[in-house]
Amino acid sequence: MNHSVYIMTNKPHGILYVGMTNNLMQRVWEHNEGAEDGFTKRYNLTTLVFYEFFETPGEAIKREKSLKRYSREWKINLIQEKNSDWKDLYEELL
């Protein structure tokens, strides 16, 4: 279970970014360090508020695509359900 889908934000109920990776710890570290130019760096999305693991890359890609299709309100409800305090879950991974 190395493949994951995750949501980053800049603050509770802030801007949301849905991503997929095969190394969640490394990818979140890259977001936190601003290692790559792009959406997450531009909006300072450094807080990991949601993640799920999958057995295969295909499953993770399918879930990422479905999450991106859902409304912002639906994604906020998903985060609230799993992480009501909007705490940074990166520490859990360490």
PDB file of N, CA and C in Angstrom:
ATOM      1  N   MET A   1       0.849  -1.197   0.000  1.00  0.00           N
ATOM      2  CA  MET A   1       0.000   0.000   0.000  1.00  0.00           C
ATOM      3  C   MET A   1       0.883   1.245   0.000  1.00  0.00           C
ATOM      4  N   ASN A   2       1.486   1.481  -1.097  1.00  0.00           N
ATOM      5  CA  ASN A   2       2.398   2.605  -1.213  1.00  0.00           C
ATOM      6  C   ASN A   2       1.769   3.788  -1.938  1.00  0.00           C
ATOM      7  N   HIS A   3       0.667   3.574  -2.593  1.00  0.00           N
ATOM      8  CA  HIS A   3       0.048   4.617  -3.410  1.00  0.00           C
ATOM      9  C   HIS A   3      -1.016   5.327  -2.586  1.00  0.00           C
ATOM     10  N   SER A   4      -1.049   6.647  -2.704  1.00  0.00           N
ATOM     11  CA  SER A   4      -2.009   7.384  -1.892  1.00  0.00           C
ATOM     12  C   SER A   4      -2.593   8.571  -2.629  1.00  0.00           C
ATOM     13  N   VAL A   5      -3.756   8.961  -2.159  1.00  0.00           N
ATOM     14  CA  VAL A   5      -4.439  10.171  -2.584  1.00  0.00           C
ATOM     15  C   VAL A   5      -4.489  11.057  -1.350  1.00  0.00           C
ATOM     16  N   TYR A   6      -4.289  12.341  -1.552  1.00  0.00           N
ATOM     17  CA  TYR A   6      -4.199  13.238  -0.407  1.00  0.00           C
ATOM     18  C   TYR A   6      -4.802  14.600  -0.728  1.00  0.00           C
ATOM     19  N   ILE A   7      -5.111  15.347   0.328  1.00  0.00           N
ATOM     20  CA  ILE A   7      -5.609  16.715   0.180  1.00  0.00           C
ATOM     21  C   ILE A   7      -4.742  17.618   1.041  1.00  0.00           C
ATOM     22  N   MET A   8      -4.243  18.690   0.420  1.00  0.00           N
ATOM     23  CA  MET A   8      -3.461  19.716   1.106  1.00  0.00           C
ATOM     24  C   MET A   8      -4.300  20.993   1.167  1.00  0.00           C
ATOM     25  N   THR A   9      -4.024  21.822   2.187  1.00  0.00           N
ATOM     26  CA  THR A   9      -4.687  23.115   2.307  1.00  0.00           C
ATOM     27  C   THR A   9      -3.734  24.120   2.939  1.00  0.00           C
ATOM     28  N   ASN A  10      -4.175  25.383   2.992  1.00  0.00           N
ATOM     29  CA  ASN A  10      -3.382  26.430   3.637  1.00  0.00           C
ATOM     30  C   ASN A  10      -3.957  26.811   5.004  1.00  0.00           C
ATOM     31  N   LYS A  11      -5.213  26.462   5.241  1.00  0.00           N
ATOM     32  CA  LYS A  11      -5.874  26.755   6.523  1.00  0.00           C
ATOM     33  C   LYS A  11      -7.210  26.022   6.532  1.00  0.00           C
ATOM     34  N   PRO A  12      -7.832  25.852   7.691  1.00  0.00           N
ATOM     35  CA  PRO A  12      -9.146  25.205   7.720  1.00  0.00           C
ATOM     36  C   PRO A  12     -10.133  25.895   6.770  1.00  0.00           C
ATOM     37  N   HIS A  13     -10.786  25.118   5.964  1.00  0.00           N
ATOM     38  CA  HIS A  13     -11.756  25.593   4.968  1.00  0.00           C
ATOM     39  C   HIS A  13     -11.112  26.502   3.930  1.00  0.00           C
ATOM     40  N   GLY A  14      -9.806  26.380   3.759  1.00  0.00           N
ATOM     41  CA  GLY A  14      -9.078  27.214   2.798  1.00  0.00           C
ATOM     42  C   GLY A  14      -9.055  26.591   1.416  1.00  0.00           C
ATOM     43  N   ILE A  15      -8.032  26.934   0.668  1.00  0.00           N
ATOM     44  CA  ILE A  15      -7.842  26.397  -0.675  1.00  0.00           C
ATOM     45  C   ILE A  15      -7.482  24.922  -0.555  1.00  0.00           C
ATOM     46  N   LEU A  16      -8.053  24.101  -1.428  1.00  0.00           N
ATOM     47  CA  LEU A  16      -7.811  22.660  -1.386  1.00  0.00           C
ATOM     48  C   LEU A  16      -7.085  22.186  -2.636  1.00  0.00           C
ATOM     49  N   TYR A  17      -6.192  21.233  -2.441  1.00  0.00           N
ATOM     50  CA  TYR A  17      -5.483  20.594  -3.548  1.00  0.00           C
ATOM     51  C   TYR A  17      -5.562  19.089  -3.366  1.00  0.00           C
ATOM     52  N   VAL A  18      -6.025  18.390  -4.381  1.00  0.00           N
ATOM     53  CA  VAL A  18      -6.095  16.929  -4.363  1.00  0.00           C
ATOM     54  C   VAL A  18      -4.957  16.398  -5.224  1.00  0.00           C
ATOM     55  N   GLY A  19      -4.182  15.473  -4.660  1.00  0.00           N
ATOM     56  CA  GLY A  19      -3.073  14.889  -5.396  1.00  0.00           C
ATOM     57  C   GLY A  19      -2.987  13.395  -5.195  1.00  0.00           C
ATOM     58  N   MET A  20      -2.099  12.766  -5.978  1.00  0.00           N
ATOM     59  CA  MET A  20      -1.855  11.329  -5.888  1.00  0.00           C
ATOM     60  C   MET A  20      -0.352  11.127  -5.976  1.00  0.00           C
ATOM     61  N   THR A  21       0.167  10.167  -5.208  1.00  0.00           N
ATOM     62  CA  THR A  21       1.601   9.913  -5.203  1.00  0.00           C
ATOM     63  C   THR A  21       1.890   8.468  -4.816  1.00  0.00           C
ATOM     64  N   ASN A  22       3.111   8.029  -5.089  1.00  0.00           N
ATOM     65  CA  ASN A  22       3.530   6.706  -4.633  1.00  0.00           C
ATOM     66  C   ASN A  22       4.453   6.811  -3.421  1.00  0.00           C
ATOM     67  N   ASN A  23       4.657   8.050  -2.920  1.00  0.00           N
ATOM     68  CA  ASN A  23       5.475   8.265  -1.717  1.00  0.00           C
ATOM     69  C   ASN A  23       4.933   9.492  -0.987  1.00  0.00           C
ATOM     70  N   LEU A  24       3.953   9.272  -0.133  1.00  0.00           N
ATOM     71  CA  LEU A  24       3.251  10.383   0.514  1.00  0.00           C
ATOM     72  C   LEU A  24       4.178  11.244   1.375  1.00  0.00           C
ATOM     73  N   MET A  25       5.040  10.615   2.151  1.00  0.00           N
ATOM     74  CA  MET A  25       5.934  11.406   3.011  1.00  0.00           C
ATOM     75  C   MET A  25       6.813  12.332   2.176  1.00  0.00           C
ATOM     76  N   GLN A  26       7.406  11.794   1.133  1.00  0.00           N
ATOM     77  CA  GLN A  26       8.277  12.596   0.264  1.00  0.00           C
ATOM     78  C   GLN A  26       7.493  13.710  -0.413  1.00  0.00           C
ATOM     79  N   ARG A  27       6.300  13.381  -0.914  1.00  0.00           N
ATOM     80  CA  ARG A  27       5.513  14.376  -1.653  1.00  0.00           C
ATOM     81  C   ARG A  27       5.066  15.508  -0.742  1.00  0.00           C
ATOM     82  N   VAL A  28       4.616  15.205   0.457  1.00  0.00           N
ATOM     83  CA  VAL A  28       4.197  16.265   1.377  1.00  0.00           C
ATOM     84  C   VAL A  28       5.400  17.115   1.768  1.00  0.00           C
ATOM     85  N   TRP A  29       6.542  16.487   1.984  1.00  0.00           N
ATOM     86  CA  TRP A  29       7.764  17.239   2.279  1.00  0.00           C
ATOM     87  C   TRP A  29       8.057  18.219   1.145  1.00  0.00           C
ATOM     88  N   GLU A  30       7.926  17.768  -0.108  1.00  0.00           N
ATOM     89  CA  GLU A  30       8.153  18.643  -1.264  1.00  0.00           C
ATOM     90  C   GLU A  30       7.186  19.817  -1.262  1.00  0.00           C
ATOM     91  N   HIS A  31       5.920  19.553  -0.942  1.00  0.00           N
ATOM     92  CA  HIS A  31       4.943  20.652  -0.853  1.00  0.00           C
ATOM     93  C   HIS A  31       5.351  21.626   0.253  1.00  0.00           C
ATOM     94  N   ASN A  32       5.735  21.105   1.398  1.00  0.00           N
ATOM     95  CA  ASN A  32       6.102  21.956   2.536  1.00  0.00           C
ATOM     96  C   ASN A  32       7.330  22.801   2.251  1.00  0.00           C
ATOM     97  N   GLU A  33       8.271  22.263   1.495  1.00  0.00           N
ATOM     98  CA  GLU A  33       9.507  22.974   1.174  1.00  0.00           C
ATOM     99  C   GLU A  33       9.376  23.876  -0.041  1.00  0.00           C
ATOM    100  N   GLY A  34       8.240  23.789  -0.738  1.00  0.00           N
ATOM    101  CA  GLY A  34       8.075  24.562  -1.970  1.00  0.00           C
ATOM    102  C   GLY A  34       9.064  24.126  -3.030  1.00  0.00           C
ATOM    103  N   ALA A  35       9.358  22.831  -3.054  1.00  0.00           N
ATOM    104  CA  ALA A  35      10.393  22.285  -3.930  1.00  0.00           C
ATOM    105  C   ALA A  35      10.058  22.419  -5.417  1.00  0.00           C
ATOM    106  N   GLU A  36       8.790  22.491  -5.739  1.00  0.00           N
ATOM    107  CA  GLU A  36       8.388  22.620  -7.141  1.00  0.00           C
ATOM    108  C   GLU A  36       7.435  23.792  -7.299  1.00  0.00           C
ATOM    109  N   ASP A  37       7.652  24.544  -8.361  1.00  0.00           N
ATOM    110  CA  ASP A  37       6.722  25.633  -8.661  1.00  0.00           C
ATOM    111  C   ASP A  37       5.389  25.034  -9.058  1.00  0.00           C
ATOM    112  N   GLY A  38       4.324  25.715  -8.709  1.00  0.00           N
ATOM    113  CA  GLY A  38       2.999  25.236  -9.082  1.00  0.00           C
ATOM    114  C   GLY A  38       1.941  25.721  -8.116  1.00  0.00           C
ATOM    115  N   PHE A  39       0.787  25.120  -8.229  1.00  0.00           N
ATOM    116  CA  PHE A  39      -0.397  25.525  -7.467  1.00  0.00           C
ATOM    117  C   PHE A  39      -0.153  25.510  -5.962  1.00  0.00           C
ATOM    118  N   THR A  40       0.404  24.403  -5.447  1.00  0.00           N
ATOM    119  CA  THR A  40       0.576  24.303  -3.991  1.00  0.00           C
ATOM    120  C   THR A  40       1.585  25.310  -3.472  1.00  0.00           C
ATOM    121  N   LYS A  41       2.621  25.586  -4.239  1.00  0.00           N
ATOM    122  CA  LYS A  41       3.608  26.600  -3.816  1.00  0.00           C
ATOM    123  C   LYS A  41       3.002  27.997  -3.884  1.00  0.00           C
ATOM    124  N   ARG A  42       2.297  28.274  -4.959  1.00  0.00           N
ATOM    125  CA  ARG A  42       1.695  29.603  -5.154  1.00  0.00           C
ATOM    126  C   ARG A  42       0.743  29.958  -4.022  1.00  0.00           C
ATOM    127  N   TYR A  43      -0.032  28.973  -3.542  1.00  0.00           N
ATOM    128  CA  TYR A  43      -1.032  29.241  -2.513  1.00  0.00           C
ATOM    129  C   TYR A  43      -0.621  28.745  -1.125  1.00  0.00           C
ATOM    130  N   ASN A  44       0.647  28.363  -0.977  1.00  0.00           N
ATOM    131  CA  ASN A  44       1.197  27.950   0.326  1.00  0.00           C
ATOM    132  C   ASN A  44       0.383  26.821   0.961  1.00  0.00           C
ATOM    133  N   LEU A  45       0.114  25.795   0.168  1.00  0.00           N
ATOM    134  CA  LEU A  45      -0.671  24.658   0.647  1.00  0.00           C
ATOM    135  C   LEU A  45       0.291  23.660   1.295  1.00  0.00           C
ATOM    136  N   THR A  46       0.464  23.777   2.592  1.00  0.00           N
ATOM    137  CA  THR A  46       1.470  22.995   3.314  1.00  0.00           C
ATOM    138  C   THR A  46       0.876  22.103   4.404  1.00  0.00           C
ATOM    139  N   THR A  47      -0.434  22.076   4.526  1.00  0.00           N
ATOM    140  CA  THR A  47      -1.076  21.275   5.570  1.00  0.00           C
ATOM    141  C   THR A  47      -1.774  20.077   4.955  1.00  0.00           C
ATOM    142  N   LEU A  48      -1.327  18.884   5.328  1.00  0.00           N
ATOM    143  CA  LEU A  48      -1.945  17.635   4.883  1.00  0.00           C
ATOM    144  C   LEU A  48      -3.149  17.369   5.776  1.00  0.00           C
ATOM    145  N   VAL A  49      -4.350  17.404   5.200  1.00  0.00           N
ATOM    146  CA  VAL A  49      -5.556  17.243   6.018  1.00  0.00           C
ATOM    147  C   VAL A  49      -6.318  15.950   5.743  1.00  0.00           C
ATOM    148  N   PHE A  50      -5.920  15.223   4.698  1.00  0.00           N
ATOM    149  CA  PHE A  50      -6.613  13.976   4.357  1.00  0.00           C
ATOM    150  C   PHE A  50      -5.692  13.121   3.507  1.00  0.00           C
ATOM    151  N   TYR A  51      -5.749  11.807   3.751  1.00  0.00           N
ATOM    152  CA  TYR A  51      -5.058  10.871   2.858  1.00  0.00           C
ATOM    153  C   TYR A  51      -5.686   9.491   2.961  1.00  0.00           C
ATOM    154  N   GLU A  52      -5.512   8.737   1.886  1.00  0.00           N
ATOM    155  CA  GLU A  52      -5.950   7.345   1.820  1.00  0.00           C
ATOM    156  C   GLU A  52      -4.868   6.561   1.079  1.00  0.00           C
ATOM    157  N   PHE A  53      -4.659   5.307   1.473  1.00  0.00           N
ATOM    158  CA  PHE A  53      -3.694   4.446   0.808  1.00  0.00           C
ATOM    159  C   PHE A  53      -4.401   3.412  -0.065  1.00  0.00           C
ATOM    160  N   PHE A  54      -3.714   3.011  -1.140  1.00  0.00           N
ATOM    161  CA  PHE A  54      -4.252   2.040  -2.086  1.00  0.00           C
ATOM    162  C   PHE A  54      -3.186   1.025  -2.462  1.00  0.00           C
ATOM    163  N   GLU A  55      -3.634  -0.165  -2.831  1.00  0.00           N
ATOM    164  CA  GLU A  55      -2.725  -1.246  -3.214  1.00  0.00           C
ATOM    165  C   GLU A  55      -2.043  -0.990  -4.559  1.00  0.00           C
ATOM    166  N   THR A  56      -2.790  -0.417  -5.488  1.00  0.00           N
ATOM    167  CA  THR A  56      -2.247  -0.244  -6.842  1.00  0.00           C
ATOM    168  C   THR A  56      -2.328   1.214  -7.281  1.00  0.00           C
ATOM    169  N   PRO A  57      -1.462   1.608  -8.228  1.00  0.00           N
ATOM    170  CA  PRO A  57      -1.556   2.969  -8.757  1.00  0.00           C
ATOM    171  C   PRO A  57      -2.893   3.225  -9.449  1.00  0.00           C
ATOM    172  N   GLY A  58      -3.430   2.200 -10.101  1.00  0.00           N
ATOM    173  CA  GLY A  58      -4.713   2.361 -10.789  1.00  0.00           C
ATOM    174  C   GLY A  58      -5.837   2.739  -9.849  1.00  0.00           C
ATOM    175  N   GLU A  59      -5.870   2.096  -8.678  1.00  0.00           N
ATOM    176  CA  GLU A  59      -6.895   2.419  -7.681  1.00  0.00           C
ATOM    177  C   GLU A  59      -6.740   3.852  -7.191  1.00  0.00           C
ATOM    178  N   ALA A  60      -5.495   4.268  -6.957  1.00  0.00           N
ATOM    179  CA  ALA A  60      -5.245   5.625  -6.467  1.00  0.00           C
ATOM    180  C   ALA A  60      -5.628   6.667  -7.516  1.00  0.00           C
ATOM    181  N   ILE A  61      -5.284   6.408  -8.761  1.00  0.00           N
ATOM    182  CA  ILE A  61      -5.623   7.342  -9.838  1.00  0.00           C
ATOM    183  C   ILE A  61      -7.135   7.467  -9.979  1.00  0.00           C
ATOM    184  N   LYS A  62      -7.826   6.348  -9.906  1.00  0.00           N
ATOM    185  CA  LYS A  62      -9.296   6.361 -10.002  1.00  0.00           C
ATOM    186  C   LYS A  62      -9.903   7.201  -8.876  1.00  0.00           C
ATOM    187  N   ARG A  63      -9.395   7.019  -7.651  1.00  0.00           N
ATOM    188  CA  ARG A  63      -9.910   7.776  -6.501  1.00  0.00           C
ATOM    189  C   ARG A  63      -9.579   9.260  -6.641  1.00  0.00           C
ATOM    190  N   GLU A  64      -8.366   9.572  -7.075  1.00  0.00           N
ATOM    191  CA  GLU A  64      -7.991  10.977  -7.265  1.00  0.00           C
ATOM    192  C   GLU A  64      -8.931  11.656  -8.258  1.00  0.00           C
ATOM    193  N   LYS A  65      -9.177  11.004  -9.368  1.00  0.00           N
ATOM    194  CA  LYS A  65     -10.072  11.579 -10.384  1.00  0.00           C
ATOM    195  C   LYS A  65     -11.471  11.777  -9.831  1.00  0.00           C
ATOM    196  N   SER A  66     -11.957  10.816  -9.036  1.00  0.00           N
ATOM    197  CA  SER A  66     -13.309  10.968  -8.490  1.00  0.00           C
ATOM    198  C   SER A  66     -13.349  12.113  -7.471  1.00  0.00           C
ATOM    199  N   LEU A  67     -12.320  12.228  -6.625  1.00  0.00           N
ATOM    200  CA  LEU A  67     -12.301  13.330  -5.652  1.00  0.00           C
ATOM    201  C   LEU A  67     -12.281  14.682  -6.359  1.00  0.00           C
ATOM    202  N   LYS A  68     -11.527  14.780  -7.428  1.00  0.00           N
ATOM    203  CA  LYS A  68     -11.438  16.057  -8.158  1.00  0.00           C
ATOM    204  C   LYS A  68     -12.773  16.438  -8.788  1.00  0.00           C
ATOM    205  N   ARG A  69     -13.599  15.448  -9.095  1.00  0.00           N
ATOM    206  CA  ARG A  69     -14.914  15.743  -9.691  1.00  0.00           C
ATOM    207  C   ARG A  69     -15.934  16.239  -8.664  1.00  0.00           C
ATOM    208  N   TYR A  70     -15.730  15.851  -7.399  1.00  0.00           N
ATOM    209  CA  TYR A  70     -16.678  16.261  -6.359  1.00  0.00           C
ATOM    210  C   TYR A  70     -16.576  17.757  -6.079  1.00  0.00           C
ATOM    211  N   SER A  71     -17.660  18.295  -5.546  1.00  0.00           N
ATOM    212  CA  SER A  71     -17.691  19.723  -5.225  1.00  0.00           C
ATOM    213  C   SER A  71     -16.781  20.037  -4.042  1.00  0.00           C
ATOM    214  N   ARG A  72     -16.447  21.284  -3.920  1.00  0.00           N
ATOM    215  CA  ARG A  72     -15.636  21.757  -2.793  1.00  0.00           C
ATOM    216  C   ARG A  72     -16.326  21.404  -1.470  1.00  0.00           C
ATOM    217  N   GLU A  73     -17.629  21.622  -1.409  1.00  0.00           N
ATOM    218  CA  GLU A  73     -18.392  21.331  -0.193  1.00  0.00           C
ATOM    219  C   GLU A  73     -18.285  19.849   0.173  1.00  0.00           C
ATOM    220  N   TRP A  74     -18.353  18.974  -0.813  1.00  0.00           N
ATOM    221  CA  TRP A  74     -18.244  17.541  -0.566  1.00  0.00           C
ATOM    222  C   TRP A  74     -16.864  17.206   0.003  1.00  0.00           C
ATOM    223  N   LYS A  75     -15.810  17.810  -0.559  1.00  0.00           N
ATOM    224  CA  LYS A  75     -14.446  17.566  -0.075  1.00  0.00           C
ATOM    225  C   LYS A  75     -14.267  18.085   1.352  1.00  0.00           C
ATOM    226  N   ILE A  76     -14.836  19.231   1.644  1.00  0.00           N
ATOM    227  CA  ILE A  76     -14.768  19.772   3.007  1.00  0.00           C
ATOM    228  C   ILE A  76     -15.465  18.822   3.976  1.00  0.00           C
ATOM    229  N   ASN A  77     -16.609  18.288   3.593  1.00  0.00           N
ATOM    230  CA  ASN A  77     -17.316  17.326   4.441  1.00  0.00           C
ATOM    231  C   ASN A  77     -16.486  16.065   4.657  1.00  0.00           C
ATOM    232  N   LEU A  78     -15.804  15.606   3.627  1.00  0.00           N
ATOM    233  CA  LEU A  78     -14.935  14.433   3.742  1.00  0.00           C
ATOM    234  C   LEU A  78     -13.817  14.698   4.755  1.00  0.00           C
ATOM    235  N   ILE A  79     -13.199  15.857   4.653  1.00  0.00           N
ATOM    236  CA  ILE A  79     -12.133  16.229   5.594  1.00  0.00           C
ATOM    237  C   ILE A  79     -12.696  16.331   7.007  1.00  0.00           C
ATOM    238  N   GLN A  80     -13.820  17.007   7.153  1.00  0.00           N
ATOM    239  CA  GLN A  80     -14.448  17.185   8.472  1.00  0.00           C
ATOM    240  C   GLN A  80     -14.753  15.835   9.130  1.00  0.00           C
ATOM    241  N   GLU A  81     -15.196  14.878   8.302  1.00  0.00           N
ATOM    242  CA  GLU A  81     -15.560  13.555   8.806  1.00  0.00           C
ATOM    243  C   GLU A  81     -14.341  12.814   9.363  1.00  0.00           C
ATOM    244  N   LYS A  82     -13.202  12.953   8.722  1.00  0.00           N
ATOM    245  CA  LYS A  82     -11.995  12.214   9.104  1.00  0.00           C
ATOM    246  C   LYS A  82     -11.045  13.029   9.981  1.00  0.00           C
ATOM    247  N   ASN A  83     -11.103  14.358   9.865  1.00  0.00           N
ATOM    248  CA  ASN A  83     -10.134  15.229  10.528  1.00  0.00           C
ATOM    249  C   ASN A  83     -10.827  16.544  10.899  1.00  0.00           C
ATOM    250  N   SER A  84     -11.733  16.480  11.850  1.00  0.00           N
ATOM    251  CA  SER A  84     -12.586  17.633  12.163  1.00  0.00           C
ATOM    252  C   SER A  84     -11.812  18.850  12.659  1.00  0.00           C
ATOM    253  N   ASP A  85     -10.622  18.643  13.198  1.00  0.00           N
ATOM    254  CA  ASP A  85      -9.804  19.766  13.668  1.00  0.00           C
ATOM    255  C   ASP A  85      -8.906  20.342  12.581  1.00  0.00           C
ATOM    256  N   TRP A  86      -8.922  19.743  11.407  1.00  0.00           N
ATOM    257  CA  TRP A  86      -8.073  20.170  10.289  1.00  0.00           C
ATOM    258  C   TRP A  86      -6.600  20.200  10.706  1.00  0.00           C
ATOM    259  N   LYS A  87      -6.210  19.242  11.554  1.00  0.00           N
ATOM    260  CA  LYS A  87      -4.811  19.212  11.981  1.00  0.00           C
ATOM    261  C   LYS A  87      -3.933  18.688  10.845  1.00  0.00           C
ATOM    262  N   ASP A  88      -2.665  19.028  10.904  1.00  0.00           N
ATOM    263  CA  ASP A  88      -1.714  18.585   9.902  1.00  0.00           C
ATOM    264  C   ASP A  88      -1.378  17.118  10.173  1.00  0.00           C
ATOM    265  N   LEU A  89      -1.741  16.247   9.251  1.00  0.00           N
ATOM    266  CA  LEU A  89      -1.574  14.813   9.425  1.00  0.00           C
ATOM    267  C   LEU A  89      -0.162  14.338   9.051  1.00  0.00           C
ATOM    268  N   TYR A  90       0.658  15.238   8.560  1.00  0.00           N
ATOM    269  CA  TYR A  90       2.029  14.873   8.179  1.00  0.00           C
ATOM    270  C   TYR A  90       2.795  14.295   9.378  1.00  0.00           C
ATOM    271  N   GLU A  91       2.566  14.862  10.553  1.00  0.00           N
ATOM    272  CA  GLU A  91       3.250  14.382  11.752  1.00  0.00           C
ATOM    273  C   GLU A  91       2.933  12.918  12.027  1.00  0.00           C
ATOM    274  N   GLU A  92       1.717  12.475  11.696  1.00  0.00           N
ATOM    275  CA  GLU A  92       1.328  11.075  11.882  1.00  0.00           C
ATOM    276  C   GLU A  92       2.186  10.148  11.032  1.00  0.00           C
ATOM    277  N   LEU A  93       2.605  10.626   9.885  1.00  0.00           N
ATOM    278  CA  LEU A  93       3.365   9.795   8.963  1.00  0.00           C
ATOM    279  C   LEU A  93       4.805   9.610   9.417  1.00  0.00           C
ATOM    280  N   LEU A  94       5.305  10.562  10.202  1.00  0.00           N
ATOM    281  CA  LEU A  94       6.720  10.501  10.634  1.00  0.00           C
ATOM    282  C   LEU A  94       6.917   9.520  11.691  1.00  0.00           C
TER     283      LEU A  94
END
